[in-house]
Amino acid sequence: MKSISLTAKISGTHIVLTNTEPSDIFPRGVIAEGTLMWHAQSKQWIIGTAPSDRYAKEVGGCSDGPEVVDLRKRTYWTC
């Protein structure tokens, strides 16, 4: 899958990822929104929607768990 640029807005622990350009990968608009949480088991930042997400067994776009965002590399991981 090819990469595209997203806009990230972070306010406190709230994050919104938006696609501002039309693409074949994601529709234009909000792609992900939630609370930034540290997932200690995977040692990754996740976008959670419930407090229990921080303890999810699996995380990442290919799982049923919360999605992962790498804040250092500025990467949003999908399957």
PDB file of N, CA and C in Angstrom:
ATOM      1  N   MET A   1       0.849  -1.169   0.000  1.00  0.00           N
ATOM      2  CA  MET A   1       0.000   0.000   0.000  1.00  0.00           C
ATOM      3  C   MET A   1       0.899   1.239   0.000  1.00  0.00           C
ATOM      4  N   LYS A   2       0.614   2.177  -0.856  1.00  0.00           N
ATOM      5  CA  LYS A   2       1.433   3.382  -0.896  1.00  0.00           C
ATOM      6  C   LYS A   2       1.073   4.295   0.277  1.00  0.00           C
ATOM      7  N   SER A   3       1.955   5.200   0.595  1.00  0.00           N
ATOM      8  CA  SER A   3       1.761   6.129   1.704  1.00  0.00           C
ATOM      9  C   SER A   3       1.095   7.413   1.233  1.00  0.00           C
ATOM     10  N   ILE A   4       0.409   8.060   2.167  1.00  0.00           N
ATOM     11  CA  ILE A   4      -0.142   9.384   1.919  1.00  0.00           C
ATOM     12  C   ILE A   4       0.136  10.244   3.142  1.00  0.00           C
ATOM     13  N   SER A   5       0.044  11.546   2.983  1.00  0.00           N
ATOM     14  CA  SER A   5       0.240  12.463   4.102  1.00  0.00           C
ATOM     15  C   SER A   5      -1.089  12.716   4.790  1.00  0.00           C
ATOM     16  N   LEU A   6      -1.065  12.710   6.109  1.00  0.00           N
ATOM     17  CA  LEU A   6      -2.225  13.040   6.920  1.00  0.00           C
ATOM     18  C   LEU A   6      -1.885  14.241   7.778  1.00  0.00           C
ATOM     19  N   THR A   7      -2.889  14.967   8.205  1.00  0.00           N
ATOM     20  CA  THR A   7      -2.704  16.061   9.145  1.00  0.00           C
ATOM     21  C   THR A   7      -3.074  15.558  10.531  1.00  0.00           C
ATOM     22  N   ALA A   8      -2.188  15.783  11.492  1.00  0.00           N
ATOM     23  CA  ALA A   8      -2.446  15.379  12.875  1.00  0.00           C
ATOM     24  C   ALA A   8      -2.639  16.626  13.721  1.00  0.00           C
ATOM     25  N   LYS A   9      -3.702  16.624  14.498  1.00  0.00           N
ATOM     26  CA  LYS A   9      -3.934  17.698  15.469  1.00  0.00           C
ATOM     27  C   LYS A   9      -4.024  17.047  16.842  1.00  0.00           C
ATOM     28  N   ILE A  10      -3.150  17.504  17.741  1.00  0.00           N
ATOM     29  CA  ILE A  10      -3.121  16.964  19.096  1.00  0.00           C
ATOM     30  C   ILE A  10      -3.396  18.108  20.060  1.00  0.00           C
ATOM     31  N   SER A  11      -4.373  17.883  20.919  1.00  0.00           N
ATOM     32  CA  SER A  11      -4.724  18.855  21.960  1.00  0.00           C
ATOM     33  C   SER A  11      -4.768  18.085  23.274  1.00  0.00           C
ATOM     34  N   GLY A  12      -3.760  18.273  24.102  1.00  0.00           N
ATOM     35  CA  GLY A  12      -3.657  17.468  25.320  1.00  0.00           C
ATOM     36  C   GLY A  12      -3.425  16.024  24.929  1.00  0.00           C
ATOM     37  N   THR A  13      -4.358  15.150  25.280  1.00  0.00           N
ATOM     38  CA  THR A  13      -4.240  13.741  24.902  1.00  0.00           C
ATOM     39  C   THR A  13      -5.178  13.363  23.756  1.00  0.00           C
ATOM     40  N   HIS A  14      -5.903  14.328  23.227  1.00  0.00           N
ATOM     41  CA  HIS A  14      -6.839  14.066  22.132  1.00  0.00           C
ATOM     42  C   HIS A  14      -6.117  14.226  20.794  1.00  0.00           C
ATOM     43  N   ILE A  15      -6.297  13.253  19.896  1.00  0.00           N
ATOM     44  CA  ILE A  15      -5.656  13.291  18.579  1.00  0.00           C
ATOM     45  C   ILE A  15      -6.703  13.096  17.487  1.00  0.00           C
ATOM     46  N   VAL A  16      -6.541  13.852  16.404  1.00  0.00           N
ATOM     47  CA  VAL A  16      -7.383  13.712  15.220  1.00  0.00           C
ATOM     48  C   VAL A  16      -6.455  13.624  14.012  1.00  0.00           C
ATOM     49  N   LEU A  17      -6.598  12.558  13.225  1.00  0.00           N
ATOM     50  CA  LEU A  17      -5.845  12.392  11.982  1.00  0.00           C
ATOM     51  C   LEU A  17      -6.792  12.612  10.817  1.00  0.00           C
ATOM     52  N   THR A  18      -6.407  13.511   9.916  1.00  0.00           N
ATOM     53  CA  THR A  18      -7.276  13.893   8.806  1.00  0.00           C
ATOM     54  C   THR A  18      -6.546  13.755   7.477  1.00  0.00           C
ATOM     55  N   ASN A  19      -7.241  13.212   6.496  1.00  0.00           N
ATOM     56  CA  ASN A  19      -6.750  13.175   5.125  1.00  0.00           C
ATOM     57  C   ASN A  19      -7.315  14.400   4.424  1.00  0.00           C
ATOM     58  N   THR A  20      -6.451  15.299   3.973  1.00  0.00           N
ATOM     59  CA  THR A  20      -6.908  16.542   3.347  1.00  0.00           C
ATOM     60  C   THR A  20      -6.957  16.472   1.827  1.00  0.00           C
ATOM     61  N   GLU A  21      -6.416  15.408   1.259  1.00  0.00           N
ATOM     62  CA  GLU A  21      -6.390  15.249  -0.200  1.00  0.00           C
ATOM     63  C   GLU A  21      -7.119  13.971  -0.602  1.00  0.00           C
ATOM     64  N   PRO A  22      -7.835  13.986  -1.706  1.00  0.00           N
ATOM     65  CA  PRO A  22      -8.473  12.754  -2.170  1.00  0.00           C
ATOM     66  C   PRO A  22      -7.413  11.694  -2.491  1.00  0.00           C
ATOM     67  N   SER A  23      -7.705  10.436  -2.167  1.00  0.00           N
ATOM     68  CA  SER A  23      -6.763   9.362  -2.482  1.00  0.00           C
ATOM     69  C   SER A  23      -7.519   8.050  -2.618  1.00  0.00           C
ATOM     70  N   ASP A  24      -6.824   7.043  -3.143  1.00  0.00           N
ATOM     71  CA  ASP A  24      -7.403   5.706  -3.262  1.00  0.00           C
ATOM     72  C   ASP A  24      -7.314   4.946  -1.936  1.00  0.00           C
ATOM     73  N   ILE A  25      -6.490   5.445  -1.006  1.00  0.00           N
ATOM     74  CA  ILE A  25      -6.236   4.739   0.241  1.00  0.00           C
ATOM     75  C   ILE A  25      -7.286   5.069   1.291  1.00  0.00           C
ATOM     76  N   PHE A  26      -7.493   6.337   1.549  1.00  0.00           N
ATOM     77  CA  PHE A  26      -8.465   6.805   2.536  1.00  0.00           C
ATOM     78  C   PHE A  26      -9.353   7.863   1.903  1.00  0.00           C
ATOM     79  N   PRO A  27     -10.599   7.934   2.319  1.00  0.00           N
ATOM     80  CA  PRO A  27     -11.437   9.039   1.854  1.00  0.00           C
ATOM     81  C   PRO A  27     -10.956  10.346   2.478  1.00  0.00           C
ATOM     82  N   ARG A  28     -11.342  11.447   1.904  1.00  0.00           N
ATOM     83  CA  ARG A  28     -11.021  12.751   2.469  1.00  0.00           C
ATOM     84  C   ARG A  28     -11.801  12.907   3.773  1.00  0.00           C
ATOM     85  N   GLY A  29     -11.143  13.437   4.801  1.00  0.00           N
ATOM     86  CA  GLY A  29     -11.810  13.691   6.076  1.00  0.00           C
ATOM     87  C   GLY A  29     -11.087  13.017   7.229  1.00  0.00           C
ATOM     88  N   VAL A  30     -11.775  12.898   8.354  1.00  0.00           N
ATOM     89  CA  VAL A  30     -11.185  12.320   9.563  1.00  0.00           C
ATOM     90  C   VAL A  30     -10.984  10.814   9.370  1.00  0.00           C
ATOM     91  N   ILE A  31      -9.761  10.375   9.595  1.00  0.00           N
ATOM     92  CA  ILE A  31      -9.393   8.966   9.447  1.00  0.00           C
ATOM     93  C   ILE A  31      -9.406   8.276  10.802  1.00  0.00           C
ATOM     94  N   ALA A  32      -8.923   8.959  11.823  1.00  0.00           N
ATOM     95  CA  ALA A  32      -8.879   8.386  13.168  1.00  0.00           C
ATOM     96  C   ALA A  32      -8.988   9.515  14.181  1.00  0.00           C
ATOM     97  N   GLU A  33      -9.647   9.211  15.295  1.00  0.00           N
ATOM     98  CA  GLU A  33      -9.800  10.201  16.358  1.00  0.00           C
ATOM     99  C   GLU A  33      -9.952   9.464  17.678  1.00  0.00           C
ATOM    100  N   GLY A  34      -9.312   9.976  18.702  1.00  0.00           N
ATOM    101  CA  GLY A  34      -9.431   9.359  20.018  1.00  0.00           C
ATOM    102  C   GLY A  34      -8.442   9.943  20.992  1.00  0.00           C
ATOM    103  N   THR A  35      -8.125   9.144  21.999  1.00  0.00           N
ATOM    104  CA  THR A  35      -7.220   9.557  23.057  1.00  0.00           C
ATOM    105  C   THR A  35      -5.875   8.873  22.878  1.00  0.00           C
ATOM    106  N   LEU A  36      -4.803   9.661  22.906  1.00  0.00           N
ATOM    107  CA  LEU A  36      -3.464   9.084  22.866  1.00  0.00           C
ATOM    108  C   LEU A  36      -3.207   8.371  24.184  1.00  0.00           C
ATOM    109  N   MET A  37      -2.813   7.116  24.092  1.00  0.00           N
ATOM    110  CA  MET A  37      -2.540   6.309  25.278  1.00  0.00           C
ATOM    111  C   MET A  37      -1.253   5.518  25.057  1.00  0.00           C
ATOM    112  N   TRP A  38      -0.476   5.374  26.114  1.00  0.00           N
ATOM    113  CA  TRP A  38       0.703   4.527  26.041  1.00  0.00           C
ATOM    114  C   TRP A  38       0.270   3.094  26.311  1.00  0.00           C
ATOM    115  N   HIS A  39       0.575   2.206  25.372  1.00  0.00           N
ATOM    116  CA  HIS A  39       0.260   0.797  25.523  1.00  0.00           C
ATOM    117  C   HIS A  39       1.535   0.106  25.992  1.00  0.00           C
ATOM    118  N   ALA A  40       1.612  -0.124  27.306  1.00  0.00           N
ATOM    119  CA  ALA A  40       2.844  -0.627  27.916  1.00  0.00           C
ATOM    120  C   ALA A  40       3.263  -1.993  27.375  1.00  0.00           C
ATOM    121  N   GLN A  41       2.319  -2.867  27.119  1.00  0.00           N
ATOM    122  CA  GLN A  41       2.654  -4.214  26.645  1.00  0.00           C
ATOM    123  C   GLN A  41       3.391  -4.172  25.303  1.00  0.00           C
ATOM    124  N   SER A  42       2.943  -3.330  24.375  1.00  0.00           N
ATOM    125  CA  SER A  42       3.595  -3.252  23.060  1.00  0.00           C
ATOM    126  C   SER A  42       4.637  -2.138  22.986  1.00  0.00           C
ATOM    127  N   LYS A  43       4.665  -1.285  24.009  1.00  0.00           N
ATOM    128  CA  LYS A  43       5.576  -0.130  24.043  1.00  0.00           C
ATOM    129  C   LYS A  43       5.356   0.795  22.856  1.00  0.00           C
ATOM    130  N   GLN A  44       4.054   1.065  22.576  1.00  0.00           N
ATOM    131  CA  GLN A  44       3.675   1.932  21.465  1.00  0.00           C
ATOM    132  C   GLN A  44       2.558   2.879  21.906  1.00  0.00           C
ATOM    133  N   TRP A  45       2.466   4.003  21.207  1.00  0.00           N
ATOM    134  CA  TRP A  45       1.337   4.910  21.407  1.00  0.00           C
ATOM    135  C   TRP A  45       0.158   4.393  20.598  1.00  0.00           C
ATOM    136  N   ILE A  46      -1.002   4.427  21.188  1.00  0.00           N
ATOM    137  CA  ILE A  46      -2.219   3.981  20.505  1.00  0.00           C
ATOM    138  C   ILE A  46      -3.244   5.096  20.510  1.00  0.00           C
ATOM    139  N   ILE A  47      -4.233   4.967  19.635  1.00  0.00           N
ATOM    140  CA  ILE A  47      -5.381   5.871  19.616  1.00  0.00           C
ATOM    141  C   ILE A  47      -6.535   5.099  20.218  1.00  0.00           C
ATOM    142  N   GLY A  48      -6.836   5.402  21.467  1.00  0.00           N
ATOM    143  CA  GLY A  48      -7.866   4.681  22.191  1.00  0.00           C
ATOM    144  C   GLY A  48      -9.203   5.396  22.165  1.00  0.00           C
ATOM    145  N   THR A  49     -10.252   4.617  22.360  1.00  0.00           N
ATOM    146  CA  THR A  49     -11.600   5.187  22.449  1.00  0.00           C
ATOM    147  C   THR A  49     -12.263   4.847  23.775  1.00  0.00           C
ATOM    148  N   ALA A  50     -11.632   3.942  24.549  1.00  0.00           N
ATOM    149  CA  ALA A  50     -12.135   3.562  25.867  1.00  0.00           C
ATOM    150  C   ALA A  50     -10.933   3.363  26.789  1.00  0.00           C
ATOM    151  N   PRO A  51     -11.083   3.619  28.089  1.00  0.00           N
ATOM    152  CA  PRO A  51      -9.961   3.437  29.015  1.00  0.00           C
ATOM    153  C   PRO A  51      -9.353   2.031  28.959  1.00  0.00           C
ATOM    154  N   SER A  52     -10.165   1.029  28.676  1.00  0.00           N
ATOM    155  CA  SER A  52      -9.673  -0.354  28.614  1.00  0.00           C
ATOM    156  C   SER A  52      -8.732  -0.590  27.432  1.00  0.00           C
ATOM    157  N   ASP A  53      -8.731   0.297  26.429  1.00  0.00           N
ATOM    158  CA  ASP A  53      -7.846   0.123  25.271  1.00  0.00           C
ATOM    159  C   ASP A  53      -6.385   0.074  25.673  1.00  0.00           C
ATOM    160  N   ARG A  54      -6.036   0.752  26.746  1.00  0.00           N
ATOM    161  CA  ARG A  54      -4.632   0.780  27.183  1.00  0.00           C
ATOM    162  C   ARG A  54      -4.151  -0.611  27.620  1.00  0.00           C
ATOM    163  N   TYR A  55      -5.088  -1.528  27.859  1.00  0.00           N
ATOM    164  CA  TYR A  55      -4.744  -2.888  28.278  1.00  0.00           C
ATOM    165  C   TYR A  55      -5.112  -3.945  27.221  1.00  0.00           C
ATOM    166  N   ALA A  56      -5.381  -3.514  26.008  1.00  0.00           N
ATOM    167  CA  ALA A  56      -5.763  -4.439  24.933  1.00  0.00           C
ATOM    168  C   ALA A  56      -4.663  -5.477  24.708  1.00  0.00           C
ATOM    169  N   LYS A  57      -5.087  -6.712  24.413  1.00  0.00           N
ATOM    170  CA  LYS A  57      -4.111  -7.781  24.152  1.00  0.00           C
ATOM    171  C   LYS A  57      -3.346  -7.529  22.867  1.00  0.00           C
ATOM    172  N   GLU A  58      -4.047  -7.005  21.842  1.00  0.00           N
ATOM    173  CA  GLU A  58      -3.422  -6.729  20.549  1.00  0.00           C
ATOM    174  C   GLU A  58      -3.707  -5.292  20.155  1.00  0.00           C
ATOM    175  N   VAL A  59      -2.750  -4.664  19.477  1.00  0.00           N
ATOM    176  CA  VAL A  59      -2.929  -3.322  18.943  1.00  0.00           C
ATOM    177  C   VAL A  59      -2.427  -3.289  17.513  1.00  0.00           C
ATOM    178  N   GLY A  60      -2.882  -2.332  16.772  1.00  0.00           N
ATOM    179  CA  GLY A  60      -2.420  -2.175  15.397  1.00  0.00           C
ATOM    180  C   GLY A  60      -3.541  -2.374  14.404  1.00  0.00           C
ATOM    181  N   GLY A  61      -3.355  -1.844  13.223  1.00  0.00           N
ATOM    182  CA  GLY A  61      -4.373  -1.851  12.191  1.00  0.00           C
ATOM    183  C   GLY A  61      -4.830  -3.213  11.726  1.00  0.00           C
ATOM    184  N   CYS A  62      -4.029  -4.244  11.904  1.00  0.00           N
ATOM    185  CA  CYS A  62      -4.409  -5.583  11.458  1.00  0.00           C
ATOM    186  C   CYS A  62      -5.067  -6.397  12.567  1.00  0.00           C
ATOM    187  N   SER A  63      -5.287  -5.787  13.712  1.00  0.00           N
ATOM    188  CA  SER A  63      -5.909  -6.491  14.832  1.00  0.00           C
ATOM    189  C   SER A  63      -7.278  -5.868  15.116  1.00  0.00           C
ATOM    190  N   ASP A  64      -7.966  -6.456  16.082  1.00  0.00           N
ATOM    191  CA  ASP A  64      -9.234  -5.876  16.526  1.00  0.00           C
ATOM    192  C   ASP A  64      -9.010  -4.803  17.580  1.00  0.00           C
ATOM    193  N   GLY A  65      -7.758  -4.570  17.943  1.00  0.00           N
ATOM    194  CA  GLY A  65      -7.431  -3.599  18.988  1.00  0.00           C
ATOM    195  C   GLY A  65      -7.273  -2.190  18.451  1.00  0.00           C
ATOM    196  N   PRO A  66      -6.893  -1.280  19.329  1.00  0.00           N
ATOM    197  CA  PRO A  66      -6.696   0.123  18.941  1.00  0.00           C
ATOM    198  C   PRO A  66      -5.575   0.282  17.911  1.00  0.00           C
ATOM    199  N   GLU A  67      -5.638   1.377  17.177  1.00  0.00           N
ATOM    200  CA  GLU A  67      -4.641   1.651  16.148  1.00  0.00           C
ATOM    201  C   GLU A  67      -3.389   2.258  16.762  1.00  0.00           C
ATOM    202  N   VAL A  68      -2.265   2.084  16.078  1.00  0.00           N
ATOM    203  CA  VAL A  68      -0.964   2.540  16.557  1.00  0.00           C
ATOM    204  C   VAL A  68      -0.544   3.779  15.782  1.00  0.00           C
ATOM    205  N   VAL A  69       0.052   4.732  16.513  1.00  0.00           N
ATOM    206  CA  VAL A  69       0.624   5.917  15.887  1.00  0.00           C
ATOM    207  C   VAL A  69       2.034   6.105  16.453  1.00  0.00           C
ATOM    208  N   ASP A  70       3.013   6.256  15.564  1.00  0.00           N
ATOM    209  CA  ASP A  70       4.397   6.477  15.974  1.00  0.00           C
ATOM    210  C   ASP A  70       4.639   7.978  15.958  1.00  0.00           C
ATOM    211  N   LEU A  71       4.724   8.577  17.139  1.00  0.00           N
ATOM    212  CA  LEU A  71       4.854  10.030  17.232  1.00  0.00           C
ATOM    213  C   LEU A  71       6.235  10.523  16.829  1.00  0.00           C
ATOM    214  N   ARG A  72       7.257   9.704  16.990  1.00  0.00           N
ATOM    215  CA  ARG A  72       8.608  10.112  16.581  1.00  0.00           C
ATOM    216  C   ARG A  72       8.766  10.101  15.068  1.00  0.00           C
ATOM    217  N   LYS A  73       8.296   9.010  14.444  1.00  0.00           N
ATOM    218  CA  LYS A  73       8.432   8.890  12.993  1.00  0.00           C
ATOM    219  C   LYS A  73       7.266   9.508  12.240  1.00  0.00           C
ATOM    220  N   ARG A  74       6.258   9.961  13.005  1.00  0.00           N
ATOM    221  CA  ARG A  74       5.050  10.560  12.425  1.00  0.00           C
ATOM    222  C   ARG A  74       4.374   9.604  11.456  1.00  0.00           C
ATOM    223  N   THR A  75       4.118   8.403  11.951  1.00  0.00           N
ATOM    224  CA  THR A  75       3.531   7.359  11.128  1.00  0.00           C
ATOM    225  C   THR A  75       2.274   6.814  11.791  1.00  0.00           C
ATOM    226  N   TYR A  76       1.227   6.670  11.009  1.00  0.00           N
ATOM    227  CA  TYR A  76      -0.012   6.056  11.441  1.00  0.00           C
ATOM    228  C   TYR A  76      -0.056   4.682  10.793  1.00  0.00           C
ATOM    229  N   TRP A  77      -0.084   3.636  11.604  1.00  0.00           N
ATOM    230  CA  TRP A  77       0.040   2.277  11.095  1.00  0.00           C
ATOM    231  C   TRP A  77      -1.327   1.675  10.786  1.00  0.00           C
ATOM    232  N   THR A  78      -1.479   1.195   9.587  1.00  0.00           N
ATOM    233  CA  THR A  78      -2.676   0.478   9.179  1.00  0.00           C
ATOM    234  C   THR A  78      -2.253  -0.881   8.643  1.00  0.00           C
ATOM    235  N   CYS A  79      -3.214  -1.728   8.398  1.00  0.00           N
ATOM    236  CA  CYS A  79      -2.909  -3.063   7.911  1.00  0.00           C
ATOM    237  C   CYS A  79      -2.641  -3.031   6.426  1.00  0.00           C
TER     238      CYS A  79
END
